[in-house]
PDB file of all heavy atoms in Angstrom:
ATOM      1  N   ALA A   1     108.321  96.594  92.550  1.00  0.00           N
ATOM      2  CA  ALA A   1     108.564  97.387  93.754  1.00  0.00           C
ATOM      3  C   ALA A   1     107.492  97.167  94.797  1.00  0.00           C
ATOM      4  O   ALA A   1     107.764  97.134  95.994  1.00  0.00           O
ATOM      5  CB  ALA A   1     108.655  98.878  93.378  1.00  0.00           C
ATOM      6  N   ALA A   2     106.234  97.016  94.351  1.00  0.00           N
ATOM      7  CA  ALA A   2     105.133  96.876  95.298  1.00  0.00           C
ATOM      8  C   ALA A   2     105.124  95.521  95.977  1.00  0.00           C
ATOM      9  O   ALA A   2     104.403  95.318  96.953  1.00  0.00           O
ATOM     10  CB  ALA A   2     103.808  97.117  94.582  1.00  0.00           C
ATOM     11  N   GLY A   3     105.905  94.569  95.478  1.00  0.00           N
ATOM     12  CA  GLY A   3     105.853  93.214  96.005  1.00  0.00           C
ATOM     13  C   GLY A   3     106.916  92.897  97.028  1.00  0.00           C
ATOM     14  O   GLY A   3     107.123  91.717  97.329  1.00  0.00           O
ATOM     15  N   PHE A   4     107.589  93.896  97.605  1.00  0.00           N
ATOM     16  CA  PHE A   4     108.669  93.573  98.536  1.00  0.00           C
ATOM     17  C   PHE A   4     108.146  92.833  99.761  1.00  0.00           C
ATOM     18  O   PHE A   4     108.811  91.925 100.280  1.00  0.00           O
ATOM     19  CB  PHE A   4     109.448  94.832  98.940  1.00  0.00           C
ATOM     20  CG  PHE A   4     108.759  95.740  99.917  1.00  0.00           C
ATOM     21  CD1 PHE A   4     108.860  95.533 101.290  1.00  0.00           C
ATOM     22  CD2 PHE A   4     108.008  96.827  99.479  1.00  0.00           C
ATOM     23  CE1 PHE A   4     108.238  96.367 102.197  1.00  0.00           C
ATOM     24  CE2 PHE A   4     107.368  97.668 100.376  1.00  0.00           C
ATOM     25  CZ  PHE A   4     107.490  97.439 101.743  1.00  0.00           C
ATOM     26  N   ALA A   5     106.956  93.187 100.235  1.00  0.00           N
ATOM     27  CA  ALA A   5     106.402  92.513 101.410  1.00  0.00           C
ATOM     28  C   ALA A   5     106.112  91.050 101.110  1.00  0.00           C
ATOM     29  O   ALA A   5     106.346  90.177 101.950  1.00  0.00           O
ATOM     30  CB  ALA A   5     105.142  93.230 101.882  1.00  0.00           C
ATOM     31  N   ARG A   6     105.609  90.776  99.917  1.00  0.00           N
ATOM     32  CA  ARG A   6     105.338  89.384  99.540  1.00  0.00           C
ATOM     33  C   ARG A   6     106.640  88.588  99.457  1.00  0.00           C
ATOM     34  O   ARG A   6     106.719  87.457  99.959  1.00  0.00           O
ATOM     35  CB  ARG A   6     104.608  89.343  98.184  1.00  0.00           C
ATOM     36  CG  ARG A   6     104.452  87.935  97.620  1.00  0.00           C
ATOM     37  CD  ARG A   6     103.771  87.945  96.261  1.00  0.00           C
ATOM     38  NE  ARG A   6     104.399  88.881  95.333  1.00  0.00           N
ATOM     39  CZ  ARG A   6     105.521  88.618  94.663  1.00  0.00           C
ATOM     40  NH1 ARG A   6     106.153  87.467  94.850  1.00  0.00           N
ATOM     41  NH2 ARG A   6     106.014  89.511  93.829  1.00  0.00           N
ATOM     42  N   ARG A   7     107.662  89.170  98.842  1.00  0.00           N
ATOM     43  CA  ARG A   7     108.942  88.464  98.740  1.00  0.00           C
ATOM     44  C   ARG A   7     109.553  88.234 100.116  1.00  0.00           C
ATOM     45  O   ARG A   7     110.105  87.156 100.389  1.00  0.00           O
ATOM     46  CB  ARG A   7     109.907  89.259  97.858  1.00  0.00           C
ATOM     47  CG  ARG A   7     109.477  89.355  96.400  1.00  0.00           C
ATOM     48  CD  ARG A   7     110.570  89.928  95.519  1.00  0.00           C
ATOM     49  NE  ARG A   7     110.939  91.284  95.904  1.00  0.00           N
ATOM     50  CZ  ARG A   7     110.333  92.372  95.448  1.00  0.00           C
ATOM     51  NH1 ARG A   7     109.312  92.263  94.606  1.00  0.00           N
ATOM     52  NH2 ARG A   7     110.727  93.585  95.819  1.00  0.00           N
ATOM     53  N   ASP A   8     109.450  89.229 100.999  1.00  0.00           N
ATOM     54  CA  ASP A   8     109.980  89.055 102.351  1.00  0.00           C
ATOM     55  C   ASP A   8     109.217  87.977 103.105  1.00  0.00           C
ATOM     56  O   ASP A   8     109.805  87.223 103.891  1.00  0.00           O
ATOM     57  CB  ASP A   8     109.911  90.387 103.108  1.00  0.00           C
ATOM     58  CG  ASP A   8     111.050  91.320 102.736  1.00  0.00           C
ATOM     59  OD1 ASP A   8     111.974  90.879 102.029  1.00  0.00           O
ATOM     60  OD2 ASP A   8     111.012  92.491 103.158  1.00  0.00           O
ATOM     61  N   ARG A   9     107.923  87.908 102.882  1.00  0.00           N
ATOM     62  CA  ARG A   9     107.104  86.880 103.541  1.00  0.00           C
ATOM     63  C   ARG A   9     107.544  85.484 103.064  1.00  0.00           C
ATOM     64  O   ARG A   9     107.739  84.575 103.878  1.00  0.00           O
ATOM     65  CB  ARG A   9     105.629  87.121 103.216  1.00  0.00           C
ATOM     66  CG  ARG A   9     104.661  86.221 103.951  1.00  0.00           C
ATOM     67  CD  ARG A   9     103.233  86.539 103.552  1.00  0.00           C
ATOM     68  NE  ARG A   9     102.930  87.963 103.681  1.00  0.00           N
ATOM     69  CZ  ARG A   9     102.628  88.779 102.664  1.00  0.00           C
ATOM     70  NH1 ARG A   9     102.583  88.318 101.432  1.00  0.00           N
ATOM     71  NH2 ARG A   9     102.378  90.053 102.865  1.00  0.00           N
ATOM     72  N   GLU A  10     107.717  85.330 101.761  1.00  0.00           N
ATOM     73  CA  GLU A  10     108.129  84.035 101.225  1.00  0.00           C
ATOM     74  C   GLU A  10     109.514  83.641 101.733  1.00  0.00           C
ATOM     75  O   GLU A  10     109.748  82.481 102.104  1.00  0.00           O
ATOM     76  CB  GLU A  10     108.125  84.095  99.695  1.00  0.00           C
ATOM     77  CG  GLU A  10     106.730  84.265  99.094  1.00  0.00           C
ATOM     78  CD  GLU A  10     106.771  84.544  97.606  1.00  0.00           C
ATOM     79  OE1 GLU A  10     107.888  84.729  97.062  1.00  0.00           O
ATOM     80  OE2 GLU A  10     105.687  84.597  96.976  1.00  0.00           O
ATOM     81  N   ALA A  11     110.435  84.603 101.779  1.00  0.00           N
ATOM     82  CA  ALA A  11     111.795  84.306 102.244  1.00  0.00           C
ATOM     83  C   ALA A  11     111.792  83.897 103.711  1.00  0.00           C
ATOM     84  O   ALA A  11     112.485  82.956 104.111  1.00  0.00           O
ATOM     85  CB  ALA A  11     112.692  85.521 102.034  1.00  0.00           C
ATOM     86  N   ALA A  12     110.999  84.600 104.538  1.00  0.00           N
ATOM     87  CA  ALA A  12     110.954  84.289 105.970  1.00  0.00           C
ATOM     88  C   ALA A  12     110.383  82.898 106.219  1.00  0.00           C
ATOM     89  O   ALA A  12     110.902  82.147 107.059  1.00  0.00           O
ATOM     90  CB  ALA A  12     110.122  85.337 106.705  1.00  0.00           C
ATOM     91  N   VAL A  13     109.313  82.533 105.496  1.00  0.00           N
ATOM     92  CA  VAL A  13     108.720  81.209 105.670  1.00  0.00           C
ATOM     93  C   VAL A  13     109.712  80.124 105.248  1.00  0.00           C
ATOM     94  O   VAL A  13     109.931  79.132 105.965  1.00  0.00           O
ATOM     95  CB  VAL A  13     107.409  81.098 104.866  1.00  0.00           C
ATOM     96  CG1 VAL A  13     106.925  79.652 104.822  1.00  0.00           C
ATOM     97  CG2 VAL A  13     106.342  81.990 105.485  1.00  0.00           C
ATOM     98  N   ASN A  14     110.334  80.313 104.088  1.00  0.00           N
ATOM     99  CA  ASN A  14     111.294  79.320 103.601  1.00  0.00           C
ATOM    100  C   ASN A  14     112.472  79.167 104.557  1.00  0.00           C
ATOM    101  O   ASN A  14     112.891  78.047 104.893  1.00  0.00           O
ATOM    102  CB  ASN A  14     111.801  79.706 102.209  1.00  0.00           C
ATOM    103  CG  ASN A  14     110.738  79.564 101.130  1.00  0.00           C
ATOM    104  OD1 ASN A  14     109.798  78.778 101.270  1.00  0.00           O
ATOM    105  ND2 ASN A  14     110.870  80.317 100.062  1.00  0.00           N
ATOM    106  N   PHE A  15     113.006  80.292 105.008  1.00  0.00           N
ATOM    107  CA  PHE A  15     114.171  80.238 105.885  1.00  0.00           C
ATOM    108  C   PHE A  15     113.796  79.653 107.240  1.00  0.00           C
ATOM    109  O   PHE A  15     114.518  78.811 107.789  1.00  0.00           O
ATOM    110  CB  PHE A  15     114.754  81.642 106.063  1.00  0.00           C
ATOM    111  CG  PHE A  15     116.052  81.656 106.823  1.00  0.00           C
ATOM    112  CD1 PHE A  15     117.255  81.544 106.151  1.00  0.00           C
ATOM    113  CD2 PHE A  15     116.081  81.789 108.207  1.00  0.00           C
ATOM    114  CE1 PHE A  15     118.461  81.543 106.842  1.00  0.00           C
ATOM    115  CE2 PHE A  15     117.266  81.793 108.904  1.00  0.00           C
ATOM    116  CZ  PHE A  15     118.466  81.670 108.223  1.00  0.00           C
ATOM    117  N   GLY A  16     112.674  80.087 107.784  1.00  0.00           N
ATOM    118  CA  GLY A  16     112.253  79.604 109.093  1.00  0.00           C
ATOM    119  C   GLY A  16     112.016  78.099 109.096  1.00  0.00           C
ATOM    120  O   GLY A  16     112.421  77.404 110.036  1.00  0.00           O
ATOM    121  N   GLU A  17     111.371  77.592 108.058  1.00  0.00           N
ATOM    122  CA  GLU A  17     111.114  76.158 107.999  1.00  0.00           C
ATOM    123  C   GLU A  17     112.400  75.370 107.817  1.00  0.00           C
ATOM    124  O   GLU A  17     112.592  74.307 108.438  1.00  0.00           O
ATOM    125  CB  GLU A  17     110.125  75.866 106.880  1.00  0.00           C
ATOM    126  CG  GLU A  17     108.731  76.416 107.171  1.00  0.00           C
ATOM    127  CD  GLU A  17     107.713  76.116 106.084  1.00  0.00           C
ATOM    128  OE1 GLU A  17     108.128  75.630 105.010  1.00  0.00           O
ATOM    129  OE2 GLU A  17     106.512  76.376 106.312  1.00  0.00           O
ATOM    130  N   ALA A  18     113.317  75.889 107.006  1.00  0.00           N
ATOM    131  CA  ALA A  18     114.594  75.208 106.810  1.00  0.00           C
ATOM    132  C   ALA A  18     115.420  75.239 108.099  1.00  0.00           C
ATOM    133  O   ALA A  18     116.078  74.252 108.449  1.00  0.00           O
ATOM    134  CB  ALA A  18     115.366  75.863 105.668  1.00  0.00           C
ATOM    135  N   ALA A  19     115.376  76.353 108.824  1.00  0.00           N
ATOM    136  CA  ALA A  19     116.110  76.458 110.085  1.00  0.00           C
ATOM    137  C   ALA A  19     115.538  75.485 111.116  1.00  0.00           C
ATOM    138  O   ALA A  19     116.281  74.810 111.839  1.00  0.00           O
ATOM    139  CB  ALA A  19     116.049  77.890 110.608  1.00  0.00           C
ATOM    140  N   ARG A  20     114.231  75.410 111.198  1.00  0.00           N
ATOM    141  CA  ARG A  20     113.584  74.470 112.116  1.00  0.00           C
ATOM    142  C   ARG A  20     113.976  73.028 111.794  1.00  0.00           C
ATOM    143  O   ARG A  20     114.358  72.259 112.681  1.00  0.00           O
ATOM    144  CB  ARG A  20     112.073  74.638 112.023  1.00  0.00           C
ATOM    145  CG  ARG A  20     111.264  73.672 112.887  1.00  0.00           C
ATOM    146  CD  ARG A  20     109.822  73.638 112.414  1.00  0.00           C
ATOM    147  NE  ARG A  20     109.731  73.193 111.015  1.00  0.00           N
ATOM    148  CZ  ARG A  20     108.717  73.490 110.202  1.00  0.00           C
ATOM    149  NH1 ARG A  20     107.713  74.240 110.619  1.00  0.00           N
ATOM    150  NH2 ARG A  20     108.715  73.037 108.954  1.00  0.00           N
ATOM    151  N   ASP A  21     113.922  72.682 110.520  1.00  0.00           N
ATOM    152  CA  ASP A  21     114.232  71.314 110.112  1.00  0.00           C
ATOM    153  C   ASP A  21     115.698  70.976 110.329  1.00  0.00           C
ATOM    154  O   ASP A  21     116.051  69.806 110.550  1.00  0.00           O
ATOM    155  CB  ASP A  21     113.857  71.106 108.642  1.00  0.00           C
ATOM    156  CG  ASP A  21     112.352  71.209 108.395  1.00  0.00           C
ATOM    157  OD1 ASP A  21     111.587  71.139 109.380  1.00  0.00           O
ATOM    158  OD2 ASP A  21     111.965  71.381 107.227  1.00  0.00           O
ATOM    159  N   ALA A  22     116.572  71.987 110.269  1.00  0.00           N
ATOM    160  CA  ALA A  22     118.007  71.767 110.470  1.00  0.00           C
ATOM    161  C   ALA A  22     118.392  71.752 111.941  1.00  0.00           C
ATOM    162  O   ALA A  22     119.561  71.515 112.271  1.00  0.00           O
ATOM    163  CB  ALA A  22     118.806  72.841 109.730  1.00  0.00           C
ATOM    164  N   GLY A  23     117.441  72.025 112.835  1.00  0.00           N
ATOM    165  CA  GLY A  23     117.740  72.025 114.253  1.00  0.00           C
ATOM    166  C   GLY A  23     118.400  73.292 114.756  1.00  0.00           C
ATOM    167  O   GLY A  23     119.041  73.287 115.819  1.00  0.00           O
ATOM    168  N   VAL A  24     118.230  74.401 114.023  1.00  0.00           N
ATOM    169  CA  VAL A  24     118.773  75.681 114.473  1.00  0.00           C
ATOM    170  C   VAL A  24     118.058  76.099 115.763  1.00  0.00           C
ATOM    171  O   VAL A  24     116.829  76.085 115.822  1.00  0.00           O
ATOM    172  CB  VAL A  24     118.605  76.766 113.388  1.00  0.00           C
ATOM    173  CG1 VAL A  24     119.012  78.142 113.913  1.00  0.00           C
ATOM    174  CG2 VAL A  24     119.427  76.407 112.161  1.00  0.00           C
ATOM    175  N   GLU A  25     118.818  76.434 116.779  1.00  0.00           N
ATOM    176  CA  GLU A  25     118.240  76.770 118.073  1.00  0.00           C
ATOM    177  C   GLU A  25     117.824  78.229 118.171  1.00  0.00           C
ATOM    178  O   GLU A  25     116.882  78.567 118.891  1.00  0.00           O
ATOM    179  CB  GLU A  25     119.256  76.467 119.187  1.00  0.00           C
ATOM    180  CG  GLU A  25     119.644  74.995 119.267  1.00  0.00           C
ATOM    181  CD  GLU A  25     120.769  74.751 120.241  1.00  0.00           C
ATOM    182  OE1 GLU A  25     121.236  75.736 120.863  1.00  0.00           O
ATOM    183  OE2 GLU A  25     121.197  73.586 120.378  1.00  0.00           O
ATOM    184  N   ARG A  26     118.545  79.090 117.442  1.00  0.00           N
ATOM    185  CA  ARG A  26     118.284  80.516 117.604  1.00  0.00           C
ATOM    186  C   ARG A  26     118.519  81.243 116.283  1.00  0.00           C
ATOM    187  O   ARG A  26     119.529  81.045 115.614  1.00  0.00           O
ATOM    188  CB  ARG A  26     119.203  81.051 118.696  1.00  0.00           C
ATOM    189  CG  ARG A  26     119.515  82.514 118.643  1.00  0.00           C
ATOM    190  CD  ARG A  26     120.334  82.954 119.837  1.00  0.00           C
ATOM    191  NE  ARG A  26     121.469  82.078 120.107  1.00  0.00           N
ATOM    192  CZ  ARG A  26     122.265  82.207 121.170  1.00  0.00           C
ATOM    193  NH1 ARG A  26     122.010  83.134 122.053  1.00  0.00           N
ATOM    194  NH2 ARG A  26     123.285  81.394 121.343  1.00  0.00           N
ATOM    195  N   VAL A  27     117.560  82.072 115.912  1.00  0.00           N
ATOM    196  CA  VAL A  27     117.703  82.984 114.782  1.00  0.00           C
ATOM    197  C   VAL A  27     117.709  84.402 115.338  1.00  0.00           C
ATOM    198  O   VAL A  27     116.844  84.765 116.139  1.00  0.00           O
ATOM    199  CB  VAL A  27     116.551  82.815 113.764  1.00  0.00           C
ATOM    200  CG1 VAL A  27     116.605  83.919 112.703  1.00  0.00           C
ATOM    201  CG2 VAL A  27     116.619  81.444 113.103  1.00  0.00           C
ATOM    202  N   ILE A  28     118.686  85.194 114.951  1.00  0.00           N
ATOM    203  CA  ILE A  28     118.790  86.582 115.392  1.00  0.00           C
ATOM    204  C   ILE A  28     118.378  87.461 114.216  1.00  0.00           C
ATOM    205  O   ILE A  28     118.973  87.420 113.147  1.00  0.00           O
ATOM    206  CB  ILE A  28     120.225  86.912 115.850  1.00  0.00           C
ATOM    207  CG1 ILE A  28     120.638  85.964 116.984  1.00  0.00           C
ATOM    208  CG2 ILE A  28     120.327  88.368 116.307  1.00  0.00           C
ATOM    209  CD1 ILE A  28     122.112  86.001 117.308  1.00  0.00           C
ATOM    210  N   TYR A  29     117.337  88.252 114.437  1.00  0.00           N
ATOM    211  CA  TYR A  29     116.705  89.020 113.362  1.00  0.00           C
ATOM    212  C   TYR A  29     116.725  90.499 113.693  1.00  0.00           C
ATOM    213  O   TYR A  29     116.369  90.910 114.798  1.00  0.00           O
ATOM    214  CB  TYR A  29     115.262  88.534 113.178  1.00  0.00           C
ATOM    215  CG  TYR A  29     114.399  89.428 112.326  1.00  0.00           C
ATOM    216  CD1 TYR A  29     114.731  89.704 111.006  1.00  0.00           C
ATOM    217  CD2 TYR A  29     113.229  89.990 112.845  1.00  0.00           C
ATOM    218  CE1 TYR A  29     113.930  90.524 110.232  1.00  0.00           C
ATOM    219  CE2 TYR A  29     112.419  90.799 112.068  1.00  0.00           C
ATOM    220  CZ  TYR A  29     112.770  91.071 110.768  1.00  0.00           C
ATOM    221  OH  TYR A  29     111.978  91.876 110.000  1.00  0.00           O
ATOM    222  N   LEU A  30     117.140  91.308 112.720  1.00  0.00           N
ATOM    223  CA  LEU A  30     117.137  92.762 112.875  1.00  0.00           C
ATOM    224  C   LEU A  30     115.936  93.344 112.161  1.00  0.00           C
ATOM    225  O   LEU A  30     115.838  93.300 110.936  1.00  0.00           O
ATOM    226  CB  LEU A  30     118.429  93.371 112.310  1.00  0.00           C
ATOM    227  CG  LEU A  30     118.521  94.899 112.366  1.00  0.00           C
ATOM    228  CD1 LEU A  30     118.488  95.393 113.811  1.00  0.00           C
ATOM    229  CD2 LEU A  30     119.788  95.383 111.666  1.00  0.00           C
ATOM    230  N   GLY A  31     114.992  93.880 112.942  1.00  0.00           N
ATOM    231  CA  GLY A  31     113.810  94.522 112.387  1.00  0.00           C
ATOM    232  C   GLY A  31     113.813  96.012 112.686  1.00  0.00           C
ATOM    233  O   GLY A  31     114.848  96.599 113.013  1.00  0.00           O
ATOM    234  N   GLY A  32     112.640  96.641 112.577  1.00  0.00           N
ATOM    235  CA  GLY A  32     112.560  98.087 112.727  1.00  0.00           C
ATOM    236  C   GLY A  32     111.723  98.520 113.906  1.00  0.00           C
ATOM    237  O   GLY A  32     110.728  97.887 114.250  1.00  0.00           O
ATOM    238  N   LEU A  33     112.127  99.626 114.528  1.00  0.00           N
ATOM    239  CA  LEU A  33     111.333 100.253 115.581  1.00  0.00           C
ATOM    240  C   LEU A  33     110.171 101.018 114.965  1.00  0.00           C
ATOM    241  O   LEU A  33     110.253 101.505 113.842  1.00  0.00           O
ATOM    242  CB  LEU A  33     112.195 101.238 116.375  1.00  0.00           C
ATOM    243  CG  LEU A  33     113.052 100.706 117.526  1.00  0.00           C
ATOM    244  CD1 LEU A  33     113.892 101.837 118.094  1.00  0.00           C
ATOM    245  CD2 LEU A  33     112.194 100.089 118.614  1.00  0.00           C
ATOM    246  N   GLY A  34     109.104 101.159 115.724  1.00  0.00           N
ATOM    247  CA  GLY A  34     108.003 102.000 115.266  1.00  0.00           C
ATOM    248  C   GLY A  34     106.688 101.250 115.202  1.00  0.00           C
ATOM    249  O   GLY A  34     106.634 100.018 115.287  1.00  0.00           O
ATOM    250  N   ASP A  35     105.615 102.013 115.048  1.00  0.00           N
ATOM    251  CA  ASP A  35     104.250 101.487 114.969  1.00  0.00           C
ATOM    252  C   ASP A  35     104.007 100.974 113.560  1.00  0.00           C
ATOM    253  O   ASP A  35     103.880 101.754 112.608  1.00  0.00           O
ATOM    254  CB  ASP A  35     103.255 102.588 115.320  1.00  0.00           C
ATOM    255  CG  ASP A  35     101.807 102.126 115.223  1.00  0.00           C
ATOM    256  OD1 ASP A  35     101.593 100.911 115.009  1.00  0.00           O
ATOM    257  OD2 ASP A  35     100.916 102.969 115.360  1.00  0.00           O
TER     258      ASP A  35
END
């Protein structure tokens, strides 16, 4: 349970690099409001 941030970090890096290499022009991401 405590590792969700680490897993999200790994997923974002993997996905972002794969998207860049595939020539994806735009990624639409839903995040959260707040400080």
